[in-house]
Amino acid sequence: MGEAKKPRKRGQGRPAENGVGREVVLQTAERLVKEHPPERISIAMIAREAGVDPALVRYYFKDRSNLLLAVATSMMDRVPYSARDPRPAHEVVEDNIRRTARFTRSNRHIHRLMVDELADAKSSDVGERLGEMNREAVAWLGEVLARDSSSIRDVDPALLHVAVLGLFDFFATAEPVVRQLFPADIAAEELISRYEEFVVDLLMNGLRPRT
């Protein structure tokens, strides 16, 4: 009998035989971003949680910045924008405010991810893609505002976008500080609901057409 052939080694960083694909690595990274500040997350940590070699993570995403960009893109892709929504502009804008509130609560590290990790990334491609995502959101908001001046006044969509993000970002990321301002016996869900209603009332009344 001939000599048995030695098993050929898998090329470093190529997909493993356990079937773990790009989507599994991405889902693992996204879960970790929801649980931890992004600066604590490394390729080694993601690989360990996904049960793969770090080389496999680099095979799919090249480096940490590209992986974190993919995480941010995946999160933002779940926020639907529809400029063709037939409802009056003030209803669409209010829905967007509430959607941003829910999104920020469930992804409280998303803005730190964008600012601290992606905006200062060494790769110009990463920074440009981040800019595209934000410009797309502003363009959508601008289209909604422009088509209906009877229910909402003319404002700069970029400034409105920044204001909405800022109002909910601090509430989500500075929860220990915020909690100190309210009675200890107030339930978290009640405080969250009260704050969302307050912001909606504050912004929507400020956006009413002036007579």
N, C-alpha and C. Protein backbone atom coordinates (compact mmCIF):
# COMPACT_ATOMS: atom_id res chain seq x y z
N MET A 1 0.83 -1.19 0.00
CA MET A 1 0.00 0.00 0.00
C MET A 1 0.87 1.24 0.00
N GLY A 2 0.41 2.24 -0.71
CA GLY A 2 1.19 3.47 -0.76
C GLY A 2 1.09 4.22 0.56
N GLU A 3 2.03 5.11 0.74
CA GLU A 3 2.05 5.91 1.97
C GLU A 3 0.84 6.84 2.01
N ALA A 4 0.18 6.85 3.16
CA ALA A 4 -1.02 7.70 3.30
C ALA A 4 -0.64 9.16 3.16
N LYS A 5 -1.48 9.88 2.43
CA LYS A 5 -1.23 11.30 2.23
C LYS A 5 -1.51 12.07 3.51
N LYS A 6 -0.64 13.01 3.81
CA LYS A 6 -0.86 13.87 4.95
C LYS A 6 -1.96 14.87 4.62
N PRO A 7 -2.82 15.16 5.58
CA PRO A 7 -3.89 16.15 5.32
C PRO A 7 -3.28 17.50 5.02
N ARG A 8 -3.80 18.14 3.97
CA ARG A 8 -3.29 19.45 3.57
C ARG A 8 -3.75 20.50 4.55
N LYS A 9 -2.82 21.32 5.01
CA LYS A 9 -3.15 22.35 5.97
C LYS A 9 -4.02 23.43 5.33
N ARG A 10 -4.98 23.91 6.11
CA ARG A 10 -5.82 25.00 5.65
C ARG A 10 -5.01 26.28 5.63
N GLY A 11 -5.14 27.05 4.55
CA GLY A 11 -4.42 28.31 4.46
C GLY A 11 -4.82 29.22 5.60
N GLN A 12 -3.86 29.94 6.15
CA GLN A 12 -4.13 30.78 7.30
C GLN A 12 -5.22 31.80 6.99
N GLY A 13 -6.20 31.84 7.85
CA GLY A 13 -7.26 32.83 7.69
C GLY A 13 -8.36 32.44 6.75
N ARG A 14 -8.31 31.24 6.18
CA ARG A 14 -9.38 30.82 5.28
C ARG A 14 -10.52 30.20 6.09
N PRO A 15 -11.73 30.16 5.52
CA PRO A 15 -12.87 29.66 6.28
C PRO A 15 -12.61 28.30 6.89
N ALA A 16 -12.97 28.16 8.16
CA ALA A 16 -12.71 26.93 8.88
C ALA A 16 -13.71 25.85 8.49
N GLU A 17 -13.35 24.60 8.77
CA GLU A 17 -14.21 23.48 8.40
C GLU A 17 -15.42 23.36 9.31
N ASN A 18 -15.43 24.10 10.41
CA ASN A 18 -16.59 24.03 11.30
C ASN A 18 -17.78 24.81 10.76
N GLY A 19 -17.60 25.44 9.61
CA GLY A 19 -18.72 26.11 8.96
C GLY A 19 -19.03 27.49 9.46
N VAL A 20 -18.22 28.04 10.35
CA VAL A 20 -18.45 29.39 10.83
C VAL A 20 -18.19 30.38 9.72
N GLY A 21 -19.21 31.09 9.31
CA GLY A 21 -19.06 32.01 8.20
C GLY A 21 -19.00 33.45 8.64
N ARG A 22 -18.95 34.35 7.67
CA ARG A 22 -18.83 35.78 7.92
C ARG A 22 -19.97 36.30 8.79
N GLU A 23 -21.19 35.82 8.53
CA GLU A 23 -22.36 36.33 9.24
C GLU A 23 -22.29 35.99 10.73
N VAL A 24 -21.78 34.82 11.06
CA VAL A 24 -21.66 34.42 12.46
C VAL A 24 -20.67 35.32 13.19
N VAL A 25 -19.54 35.60 12.53
CA VAL A 25 -18.54 36.50 13.11
C VAL A 25 -19.14 37.89 13.30
N LEU A 26 -19.88 38.37 12.30
CA LEU A 26 -20.50 39.69 12.38
C LEU A 26 -21.53 39.75 13.50
N GLN A 27 -22.35 38.73 13.63
CA GLN A 27 -23.36 38.70 14.69
C GLN A 27 -22.72 38.68 16.07
N THR A 28 -21.61 37.95 16.19
CA THR A 28 -20.89 37.91 17.46
C THR A 28 -20.34 39.29 17.80
N ALA A 29 -19.73 39.94 16.81
CA ALA A 29 -19.18 41.28 17.03
C ALA A 29 -20.28 42.27 17.40
N GLU A 30 -21.42 42.17 16.75
CA GLU A 30 -22.53 43.08 17.04
C GLU A 30 -23.05 42.87 18.46
N ARG A 31 -23.15 41.64 18.89
CA ARG A 31 -23.58 41.36 20.26
C ARG A 31 -22.60 41.96 21.28
N LEU A 32 -21.31 41.84 21.01
CA LEU A 32 -20.31 42.37 21.92
C LEU A 32 -20.35 43.90 21.97
N VAL A 33 -20.62 44.53 20.82
CA VAL A 33 -20.71 45.99 20.79
C VAL A 33 -21.91 46.47 21.62
N LYS A 34 -22.96 45.70 21.64
CA LYS A 34 -24.12 46.06 22.46
C LYS A 34 -23.83 45.90 23.95
N GLU A 35 -22.92 44.99 24.28
CA GLU A 35 -22.66 44.68 25.69
C GLU A 35 -21.50 45.46 26.28
N HIS A 36 -20.55 45.89 25.44
CA HIS A 36 -19.33 46.51 25.94
C HIS A 36 -19.00 47.79 25.17
N PRO A 37 -18.32 48.74 25.80
CA PRO A 37 -17.81 49.89 25.06
C PRO A 37 -16.89 49.40 23.95
N PRO A 38 -16.95 50.02 22.77
CA PRO A 38 -16.21 49.49 21.62
C PRO A 38 -14.70 49.43 21.81
N GLU A 39 -14.14 50.33 22.65
CA GLU A 39 -12.70 50.32 22.83
C GLU A 39 -12.20 49.05 23.53
N ARG A 40 -13.11 48.34 24.18
CA ARG A 40 -12.72 47.10 24.87
C ARG A 40 -12.75 45.88 23.96
N ILE A 41 -13.28 46.07 22.75
CA ILE A 41 -13.49 44.93 21.86
C ILE A 41 -12.32 44.79 20.89
N SER A 42 -11.73 43.61 20.87
CA SER A 42 -10.61 43.32 19.99
C SER A 42 -10.96 42.16 19.07
N ILE A 43 -10.16 41.97 18.05
CA ILE A 43 -10.37 40.83 17.16
C ILE A 43 -10.23 39.53 17.94
N ALA A 44 -9.28 39.47 18.87
CA ALA A 44 -9.09 38.26 19.66
C ALA A 44 -10.33 37.95 20.49
N MET A 45 -10.95 38.99 21.06
CA MET A 45 -12.16 38.80 21.86
C MET A 45 -13.31 38.28 21.01
N ILE A 46 -13.48 38.86 19.84
CA ILE A 46 -14.55 38.43 18.93
C ILE A 46 -14.33 36.99 18.49
N ALA A 47 -13.08 36.67 18.15
CA ALA A 47 -12.76 35.31 17.71
C ALA A 47 -13.04 34.30 18.82
N ARG A 48 -12.67 34.66 20.04
CA ARG A 48 -12.89 33.75 21.17
C ARG A 48 -14.38 33.51 21.38
N GLU A 49 -15.17 34.57 21.31
CA GLU A 49 -16.62 34.43 21.50
C GLU A 49 -17.27 33.64 20.37
N ALA A 50 -16.74 33.79 19.16
CA ALA A 50 -17.29 33.07 18.00
C ALA A 50 -16.75 31.66 17.88
N GLY A 51 -15.71 31.35 18.66
CA GLY A 51 -15.11 30.02 18.63
C GLY A 51 -14.28 29.76 17.39
N VAL A 52 -13.58 30.80 16.91
CA VAL A 52 -12.76 30.64 15.70
C VAL A 52 -11.37 31.23 15.94
N ASP A 53 -10.49 30.96 15.02
CA ASP A 53 -9.14 31.53 15.05
C ASP A 53 -9.22 33.01 14.64
N PRO A 54 -8.48 33.90 15.29
CA PRO A 54 -8.49 35.32 14.88
C PRO A 54 -8.17 35.53 13.40
N ALA A 55 -7.41 34.60 12.83
CA ALA A 55 -7.08 34.72 11.41
C ALA A 55 -8.32 34.65 10.54
N LEU A 56 -9.33 33.91 11.00
CA LEU A 56 -10.57 33.82 10.22
C LEU A 56 -11.30 35.15 10.22
N VAL A 57 -11.27 35.86 11.35
CA VAL A 57 -11.89 37.18 11.42
C VAL A 57 -11.20 38.14 10.47
N ARG A 58 -9.87 38.08 10.44
CA ARG A 58 -9.12 38.95 9.52
C ARG A 58 -9.37 38.56 8.06
N TYR A 59 -9.61 37.28 7.82
CA TYR A 59 -9.89 36.83 6.45
C TYR A 59 -11.17 37.48 5.93
N TYR A 60 -12.18 37.54 6.78
CA TYR A 60 -13.46 38.11 6.36
C TYR A 60 -13.46 39.64 6.36
N PHE A 61 -12.77 40.26 7.32
CA PHE A 61 -12.92 41.72 7.50
C PHE A 61 -11.62 42.51 7.39
N LYS A 62 -10.50 41.84 7.20
CA LYS A 62 -9.18 42.46 7.02
C LYS A 62 -8.62 43.05 8.32
N ASP A 63 -9.36 43.95 8.96
CA ASP A 63 -8.86 44.51 10.20
C ASP A 63 -10.03 44.92 11.09
N ARG A 64 -9.69 45.40 12.28
CA ARG A 64 -10.69 45.73 13.28
C ARG A 64 -11.61 46.87 12.82
N SER A 65 -11.05 47.89 12.15
CA SER A 65 -11.86 49.03 11.72
C SER A 65 -12.93 48.60 10.73
N ASN A 66 -12.57 47.75 9.78
CA ASN A 66 -13.54 47.27 8.80
C ASN A 66 -14.61 46.41 9.45
N LEU A 67 -14.22 45.64 10.46
CA LEU A 67 -15.20 44.82 11.17
C LEU A 67 -16.18 45.71 11.94
N LEU A 68 -15.67 46.72 12.62
CA LEU A 68 -16.56 47.61 13.37
C LEU A 68 -17.45 48.43 12.44
N LEU A 69 -16.93 48.77 11.27
CA LEU A 69 -17.76 49.46 10.27
C LEU A 69 -18.90 48.55 9.82
N ALA A 70 -18.59 47.27 9.62
CA ALA A 70 -19.64 46.32 9.23
C ALA A 70 -20.69 46.19 10.32
N VAL A 71 -20.26 46.24 11.58
CA VAL A 71 -21.20 46.20 12.70
C VAL A 71 -22.12 47.42 12.67
N ALA A 72 -21.53 48.61 12.53
CA ALA A 72 -22.33 49.84 12.48
C ALA A 72 -23.30 49.83 11.31
N THR A 73 -22.84 49.36 10.15
CA THR A 73 -23.69 49.29 8.96
C THR A 73 -24.85 48.35 9.18
N SER A 74 -24.57 47.19 9.78
CA SER A 74 -25.61 46.20 10.05
C SER A 74 -26.67 46.78 10.99
N MET A 75 -26.22 47.50 12.02
CA MET A 75 -27.17 48.11 12.96
C MET A 75 -28.02 49.18 12.27
N MET A 76 -27.37 50.04 11.48
CA MET A 76 -28.08 51.14 10.83
C MET A 76 -29.03 50.64 9.75
N ASP A 77 -28.70 49.51 9.13
CA ASP A 77 -29.57 48.96 8.08
C ASP A 77 -30.92 48.52 8.63
N ARG A 78 -31.01 48.34 9.94
CA ARG A 78 -32.29 47.95 10.54
C ARG A 78 -33.17 49.14 10.86
N VAL A 79 -32.66 50.34 10.60
CA VAL A 79 -33.46 51.55 10.81
C VAL A 79 -34.05 51.96 9.46
N PRO A 80 -35.31 51.63 9.19
CA PRO A 80 -35.88 51.87 7.87
C PRO A 80 -36.16 53.34 7.61
N TYR A 81 -35.80 53.78 6.42
CA TYR A 81 -36.12 55.14 5.98
C TYR A 81 -36.99 55.04 4.73
N SER A 82 -38.06 55.79 4.71
CA SER A 82 -38.93 55.78 3.54
C SER A 82 -39.45 57.19 3.27
N ALA A 83 -38.85 57.85 2.29
CA ALA A 83 -39.27 59.21 1.95
C ALA A 83 -40.65 59.22 1.31
N ARG A 84 -41.14 58.05 0.90
CA ARG A 84 -42.44 57.97 0.24
C ARG A 84 -43.58 57.70 1.21
N ASP A 85 -43.29 57.73 2.48
CA ASP A 85 -44.34 57.55 3.48
C ASP A 85 -45.42 58.60 3.22
N PRO A 86 -46.66 58.20 2.98
CA PRO A 86 -47.71 59.14 2.56
C PRO A 86 -48.25 60.01 3.69
N ARG A 87 -47.90 59.74 4.92
CA ARG A 87 -48.44 60.51 6.03
C ARG A 87 -47.87 61.93 6.04
N PRO A 88 -48.53 62.86 6.75
CA PRO A 88 -47.97 64.21 6.88
C PRO A 88 -46.57 64.18 7.48
N ALA A 89 -45.77 65.16 7.13
CA ALA A 89 -44.37 65.17 7.54
C ALA A 89 -44.20 65.12 9.06
N HIS A 90 -45.08 65.81 9.81
CA HIS A 90 -44.90 65.82 11.26
C HIS A 90 -45.08 64.44 11.87
N GLU A 91 -45.93 63.60 11.27
CA GLU A 91 -46.10 62.23 11.77
C GLU A 91 -44.87 61.38 11.47
N VAL A 92 -44.31 61.56 10.27
CA VAL A 92 -43.11 60.81 9.90
C VAL A 92 -41.93 61.21 10.78
N VAL A 93 -41.79 62.51 11.02
CA VAL A 93 -40.69 62.99 11.86
C VAL A 93 -40.85 62.49 13.28
N GLU A 94 -42.07 62.51 13.81
CA GLU A 94 -42.28 62.00 15.17
C GLU A 94 -41.92 60.52 15.26
N ASP A 95 -42.31 59.75 14.27
CA ASP A 95 -41.94 58.33 14.25
C ASP A 95 -40.42 58.16 14.24
N ASN A 96 -39.74 59.03 13.48
CA ASN A 96 -38.29 58.95 13.41
C ASN A 96 -37.66 59.25 14.77
N ILE A 97 -38.22 60.22 15.49
CA ILE A 97 -37.71 60.54 16.83
C ILE A 97 -37.88 59.34 17.75
N ARG A 98 -39.05 58.74 17.73
CA ARG A 98 -39.31 57.59 18.59
C ARG A 98 -38.44 56.39 18.18
N ARG A 99 -38.25 56.21 16.89
CA ARG A 99 -37.41 55.11 16.40
C ARG A 99 -35.96 55.31 16.85
N THR A 100 -35.50 56.56 16.82
CA THR A 100 -34.15 56.86 17.28
C THR A 100 -34.02 56.58 18.77
N ALA A 101 -35.05 56.91 19.53
CA ALA A 101 -35.04 56.63 20.98
C ALA A 101 -34.88 55.14 21.24
N ARG A 102 -35.66 54.33 20.54
CA ARG A 102 -35.59 52.88 20.75
C ARG A 102 -34.26 52.32 20.27
N PHE A 103 -33.78 52.81 19.13
CA PHE A 103 -32.53 52.33 18.57
C PHE A 103 -31.37 52.64 19.51
N THR A 104 -31.34 53.85 20.05
CA THR A 104 -30.25 54.25 20.93
C THR A 104 -30.28 53.46 22.24
N ARG A 105 -31.49 53.19 22.74
CA ARG A 105 -31.58 52.39 23.97
C ARG A 105 -31.04 50.98 23.78
N SER A 106 -31.34 50.37 22.64
CA SER A 106 -30.92 48.99 22.41
C SER A 106 -29.49 48.89 21.87
N ASN A 107 -28.94 50.01 21.41
CA ASN A 107 -27.56 50.03 20.89
C ASN A 107 -26.82 51.22 21.50
N ARG A 108 -26.69 51.22 22.82
CA ARG A 108 -26.24 52.43 23.51
C ARG A 108 -24.79 52.80 23.24
N HIS A 109 -24.03 51.89 22.63
CA HIS A 109 -22.63 52.22 22.32
C HIS A 109 -22.44 52.61 20.85
N ILE A 110 -23.53 52.71 20.08
CA ILE A 110 -23.40 52.94 18.64
C ILE A 110 -22.73 54.26 18.32
N HIS A 111 -23.05 55.32 19.05
CA HIS A 111 -22.48 56.61 18.71
C HIS A 111 -21.02 56.71 19.15
N ARG A 112 -20.68 56.06 20.28
CA ARG A 112 -19.28 55.99 20.67
C ARG A 112 -18.49 55.19 19.64
N LEU A 113 -19.11 54.15 19.11
CA LEU A 113 -18.47 53.36 18.06
C LEU A 113 -18.17 54.23 16.85
N MET A 114 -19.14 55.04 16.45
CA MET A 114 -18.95 55.88 15.27
C MET A 114 -17.92 56.99 15.51
N VAL A 115 -17.98 57.62 16.69
CA VAL A 115 -17.11 58.76 16.95
C VAL A 115 -15.70 58.33 17.32
N ASP A 116 -15.58 57.45 18.31
CA ASP A 116 -14.27 57.10 18.83
C ASP A 116 -13.50 56.11 17.97
N GLU A 117 -14.24 55.24 17.28
CA GLU A 117 -13.57 54.18 16.55
C GLU A 117 -13.52 54.41 15.03
N LEU A 118 -14.64 54.84 14.45
CA LEU A 118 -14.72 54.89 13.00
C LEU A 118 -14.37 56.25 12.41
N ALA A 119 -14.78 57.33 13.07
CA ALA A 119 -14.48 58.66 12.54
C ALA A 119 -12.98 58.92 12.49
N ASP A 120 -12.23 58.32 13.42
CA ASP A 120 -10.77 58.52 13.47
C ASP A 120 -10.00 57.33 12.92
N ALA A 121 -10.67 56.47 12.18
CA ALA A 121 -9.99 55.29 11.62
C ALA A 121 -8.91 55.71 10.63
N LYS A 122 -7.84 54.92 10.59
CA LYS A 122 -6.73 55.23 9.68
C LYS A 122 -7.15 55.09 8.22
N SER A 123 -8.05 54.17 7.95
CA SER A 123 -8.50 53.95 6.58
C SER A 123 -9.47 55.04 6.15
N SER A 124 -9.17 55.72 5.06
CA SER A 124 -10.07 56.76 4.55
C SER A 124 -11.38 56.15 4.06
N ASP A 125 -11.34 54.90 3.62
CA ASP A 125 -12.57 54.23 3.15
C ASP A 125 -13.56 54.08 4.29
N VAL A 126 -13.05 53.76 5.48
CA VAL A 126 -13.93 53.59 6.64
C VAL A 126 -14.60 54.93 6.98
N GLY A 127 -13.81 56.00 7.04
CA GLY A 127 -14.36 57.31 7.34
C GLY A 127 -15.36 57.77 6.30
N GLU A 128 -15.10 57.49 5.03
CA GLU A 128 -16.01 57.90 3.96
C GLU A 128 -17.33 57.14 4.05
N ARG A 129 -17.27 55.86 4.33
CA ARG A 129 -18.50 55.08 4.45
C ARG A 129 -19.34 55.55 5.63
N LEU A 130 -18.68 55.91 6.73
CA LEU A 130 -19.39 56.45 7.88
C LEU A 130 -20.09 57.75 7.50
N GLY A 131 -19.39 58.60 6.75
CA GLY A 131 -20.00 59.85 6.29
C GLY A 131 -21.20 59.60 5.39
N GLU A 132 -21.10 58.61 4.53
CA GLU A 132 -22.21 58.27 3.63
C GLU A 132 -23.45 57.87 4.42
N MET A 133 -23.26 57.05 5.46
CA MET A 133 -24.40 56.60 6.26
C MET A 133 -25.12 57.78 6.90
N ASN A 134 -24.34 58.71 7.44
CA ASN A 134 -24.96 59.88 8.08
C ASN A 134 -25.61 60.81 7.06
N ARG A 135 -24.96 60.98 5.91
CA ARG A 135 -25.54 61.85 4.86
C ARG A 135 -26.84 61.25 4.31
N GLU A 136 -26.90 59.93 4.22
CA GLU A 136 -28.13 59.28 3.75
C GLU A 136 -29.29 59.56 4.70
N ALA A 137 -29.02 59.49 6.01
CA ALA A 137 -30.07 59.76 7.00
C ALA A 137 -30.53 61.21 6.92
N VAL A 138 -29.59 62.13 6.73
CA VAL A 138 -29.94 63.56 6.64
C VAL A 138 -30.71 63.84 5.35
N ALA A 139 -30.29 63.20 4.25
CA ALA A 139 -30.98 63.40 2.97
C ALA A 139 -32.42 62.93 3.06
N TRP A 140 -32.63 61.78 3.70
CA TRP A 140 -34.00 61.28 3.88
C TRP A 140 -34.83 62.27 4.69
N LEU A 141 -34.27 62.78 5.78
CA LEU A 141 -35.00 63.72 6.62
C LEU A 141 -35.30 65.00 5.85
N GLY A 142 -34.35 65.45 5.03
CA GLY A 142 -34.56 66.65 4.23
C GLY A 142 -35.70 66.48 3.24
N GLU A 143 -35.81 65.29 2.64
CA GLU A 143 -36.90 65.04 1.69
C GLU A 143 -38.25 65.07 2.40
N VAL A 144 -38.31 64.52 3.59
CA VAL A 144 -39.57 64.51 4.35
C VAL A 144 -39.98 65.94 4.70
N LEU A 145 -39.04 66.74 5.19
CA LEU A 145 -39.33 68.12 5.58
C LEU A 145 -39.76 68.97 4.39
N ALA A 146 -39.12 68.74 3.24
CA ALA A 146 -39.34 69.59 2.08
C ALA A 146 -40.70 69.37 1.42
N ARG A 147 -41.28 68.22 1.59
CA ARG A 147 -42.49 67.92 0.83
C ARG A 147 -43.77 68.38 1.52
N ASP A 148 -43.68 68.87 2.76
CA ASP A 148 -44.89 69.22 3.48
C ASP A 148 -44.61 70.37 4.45
N SER A 149 -44.88 71.60 3.99
CA SER A 149 -44.63 72.76 4.84
C SER A 149 -45.84 73.15 5.68
N SER A 150 -46.96 72.44 5.48
CA SER A 150 -48.18 72.81 6.21
C SER A 150 -48.18 72.25 7.63
N SER A 151 -47.47 71.15 7.87
CA SER A 151 -47.53 70.53 9.19
C SER A 151 -46.21 70.66 9.96
N ILE A 152 -45.20 71.17 9.30
CA ILE A 152 -43.90 71.27 9.97
C ILE A 152 -43.11 72.41 9.34
N ARG A 153 -42.43 73.19 10.15
CA ARG A 153 -41.74 74.37 9.60
C ARG A 153 -40.39 74.01 9.01
N ASP A 154 -39.85 74.92 8.25
CA ASP A 154 -38.59 74.70 7.54
C ASP A 154 -37.42 74.80 8.52
N VAL A 155 -36.69 73.71 8.69
CA VAL A 155 -35.50 73.69 9.54
C VAL A 155 -34.39 72.96 8.79
N ASP A 156 -33.18 73.14 9.26
CA ASP A 156 -32.03 72.46 8.66
C ASP A 156 -32.07 70.98 9.06
N PRO A 157 -32.21 70.05 8.11
CA PRO A 157 -32.33 68.63 8.46
C PRO A 157 -31.07 68.08 9.15
N ALA A 158 -29.90 68.62 8.80
CA ALA A 158 -28.67 68.14 9.44
C ALA A 158 -28.65 68.51 10.91
N LEU A 159 -29.07 69.74 11.23
CA LEU A 159 -29.11 70.17 12.63
C LEU A 159 -30.16 69.39 13.42
N LEU A 160 -31.30 69.12 12.79
CA LEU A 160 -32.33 68.34 13.46
C LEU A 160 -31.84 66.92 13.73
N HIS A 161 -31.16 66.35 12.76
CA HIS A 161 -30.61 65.00 12.90
C HIS A 161 -29.63 64.94 14.07
N VAL A 162 -28.73 65.91 14.15
CA VAL A 162 -27.74 65.96 15.22
C VAL A 162 -28.43 66.15 16.57
N ALA A 163 -29.44 67.01 16.61
CA ALA A 163 -30.15 67.28 17.86
C ALA A 163 -30.82 66.02 18.39
N VAL A 164 -31.50 65.29 17.52
CA VAL A 164 -32.20 64.07 17.95
C VAL A 164 -31.20 63.04 18.48
N LEU A 165 -30.12 62.84 17.75
CA LEU A 165 -29.10 61.89 18.20
C LEU A 165 -28.53 62.29 19.55
N GLY A 166 -28.21 63.57 19.70
CA GLY A 166 -27.61 64.03 20.94
C GLY A 166 -28.52 63.90 22.14
N LEU A 167 -29.80 64.20 21.96
CA LEU A 167 -30.75 64.13 23.06
C LEU A 167 -30.90 62.72 23.62
N PHE A 168 -30.88 61.74 22.75
CA PHE A 168 -31.05 60.36 23.21
C PHE A 168 -29.72 59.68 23.55
N ASP A 169 -28.64 60.12 22.93
CA ASP A 169 -27.35 59.49 23.19
C ASP A 169 -26.91 59.69 24.64
N PHE A 170 -26.99 60.91 25.14
CA PHE A 170 -26.56 61.16 26.52
C PHE A 170 -27.44 60.40 27.50
N PHE A 171 -28.72 60.37 27.26
CA PHE A 171 -29.63 59.66 28.16
C PHE A 171 -29.28 58.18 28.25
N ALA A 172 -28.88 57.60 27.12
CA ALA A 172 -28.55 56.17 27.08
C ALA A 172 -27.17 55.86 27.66
N THR A 173 -26.18 56.69 27.33
CA THR A 173 -24.80 56.38 27.71
C THR A 173 -24.43 56.88 29.10
N ALA A 174 -25.16 57.86 29.60
CA ALA A 174 -24.85 58.41 30.93
C ALA A 174 -25.92 58.03 31.94
N GLU A 175 -26.43 56.82 31.84
CA GLU A 175 -27.53 56.38 32.69
C GLU A 175 -27.25 56.55 34.19
N PRO A 176 -26.05 56.20 34.71
CA PRO A 176 -25.81 56.39 36.15
C PRO A 176 -25.95 57.84 36.58
N VAL A 177 -25.52 58.78 35.74
CA VAL A 177 -25.65 60.21 36.06
C VAL A 177 -27.11 60.63 36.01
N VAL A 178 -27.81 60.19 34.97
CA VAL A 178 -29.22 60.55 34.81
C VAL A 178 -30.04 60.04 35.99
N ARG A 179 -29.78 58.81 36.43
CA ARG A 179 -30.56 58.22 37.52
C ARG A 179 -30.44 59.03 38.80
N GLN A 180 -29.32 59.70 39.00
CA GLN A 180 -29.12 60.49 40.21
C GLN A 180 -30.06 61.69 40.30
N LEU A 181 -30.65 62.06 39.18
CA LEU A 181 -31.50 63.24 39.15
C LEU A 181 -32.95 62.94 39.50
N PHE A 182 -33.27 61.65 39.68
CA PHE A 182 -34.66 61.25 39.91
C PHE A 182 -34.77 60.39 41.16
N PRO A 183 -35.97 60.29 41.73
CA PRO A 183 -36.16 59.45 42.92
C PRO A 183 -35.69 58.01 42.67
N ALA A 184 -35.11 57.41 43.68
CA ALA A 184 -34.54 56.07 43.54
C ALA A 184 -35.59 55.02 43.24
N ASP A 185 -36.86 55.29 43.62
CA ASP A 185 -37.89 54.27 43.45
C ASP A 185 -38.57 54.32 42.07
N ILE A 186 -38.17 55.25 41.21
CA ILE A 186 -38.79 55.31 39.89
C ILE A 186 -38.24 54.18 39.02
N ALA A 187 -39.12 53.42 38.40
CA ALA A 187 -38.70 52.29 37.57
C ALA A 187 -38.01 52.78 36.31
N ALA A 188 -37.03 51.99 35.84
CA ALA A 188 -36.26 52.38 34.67
C ALA A 188 -37.16 52.57 33.45
N GLU A 189 -38.10 51.67 33.24
CA GLU A 189 -38.98 51.76 32.08
C GLU A 189 -39.86 53.01 32.14
N GLU A 190 -40.28 53.38 33.35
CA GLU A 190 -41.10 54.58 33.49
C GLU A 190 -40.28 55.83 33.15
N LEU A 191 -39.05 55.87 33.60
CA LEU A 191 -38.18 57.01 33.31
C LEU A 191 -37.90 57.10 31.82
N ILE A 192 -37.64 55.96 31.19
CA ILE A 192 -37.37 55.93 29.75
C ILE A 192 -38.58 56.46 28.98
N SER A 193 -39.76 55.98 29.36
CA SER A 193 -40.99 56.41 28.68
C SER A 193 -41.24 57.90 28.87
N ARG A 194 -41.04 58.40 30.10
CA ARG A 194 -41.25 59.82 30.37
C ARG A 194 -40.28 60.69 29.56
N TYR A 195 -39.05 60.23 29.46
CA TYR A 195 -38.07 61.02 28.73
C TYR A 195 -38.39 61.04 27.23
N GLU A 196 -38.78 59.90 26.68
CA GLU A 196 -39.14 59.87 25.26
C GLU A 196 -40.31 60.81 24.98
N GLU A 197 -41.33 60.78 25.82
CA GLU A 197 -42.48 61.66 25.61
C GLU A 197 -42.08 63.13 25.74
N PHE A 198 -41.18 63.42 26.68
CA PHE A 198 -40.72 64.79 26.87
C PHE A 198 -39.99 65.29 25.62
N VAL A 199 -39.09 64.48 25.07
CA VAL A 199 -38.32 64.89 23.89
C VAL A 199 -39.24 65.05 22.69
N VAL A 200 -40.18 64.12 22.51
CA VAL A 200 -41.12 64.22 21.39
C VAL A 200 -41.92 65.51 21.50
N ASP A 201 -42.44 65.81 22.68
CA ASP A 201 -43.22 67.04 22.88
C ASP A 201 -42.35 68.27 22.65
N LEU A 202 -41.14 68.26 23.17
CA LEU A 202 -40.22 69.39 23.03
C LEU A 202 -39.91 69.68 21.57
N LEU A 203 -39.56 68.64 20.82
CA LEU A 203 -39.17 68.83 19.43
C LEU A 203 -40.36 69.11 18.52
N MET A 204 -41.43 68.35 18.69
CA MET A 204 -42.56 68.52 17.78
C MET A 204 -43.25 69.86 17.97
N ASN A 205 -43.31 70.37 19.19
CA ASN A 205 -43.86 71.70 19.40
C ASN A 205 -42.94 72.77 18.82
N GLY A 206 -41.64 72.52 18.90
CA GLY A 206 -40.70 73.46 18.31
C GLY A 206 -40.70 73.46 16.80
N LEU A 207 -41.19 72.34 16.22
CA LEU A 207 -41.23 72.22 14.76
C LEU A 207 -42.56 72.63 14.15
N ARG A 208 -43.51 73.00 14.97
CA ARG A 208 -44.80 73.43 14.43
C ARG A 208 -44.63 74.71 13.62
N PRO A 209 -45.40 74.84 12.54
CA PRO A 209 -45.32 76.09 11.76
C PRO A 209 -45.66 77.29 12.63
N ARG A 210 -44.93 78.36 12.46
CA ARG A 210 -45.16 79.59 13.25
C ARG A 210 -46.22 80.45 12.58
N THR A 211 -47.14 80.94 13.38
CA THR A 211 -48.23 81.76 12.82
C THR A 211 -47.99 83.24 13.12
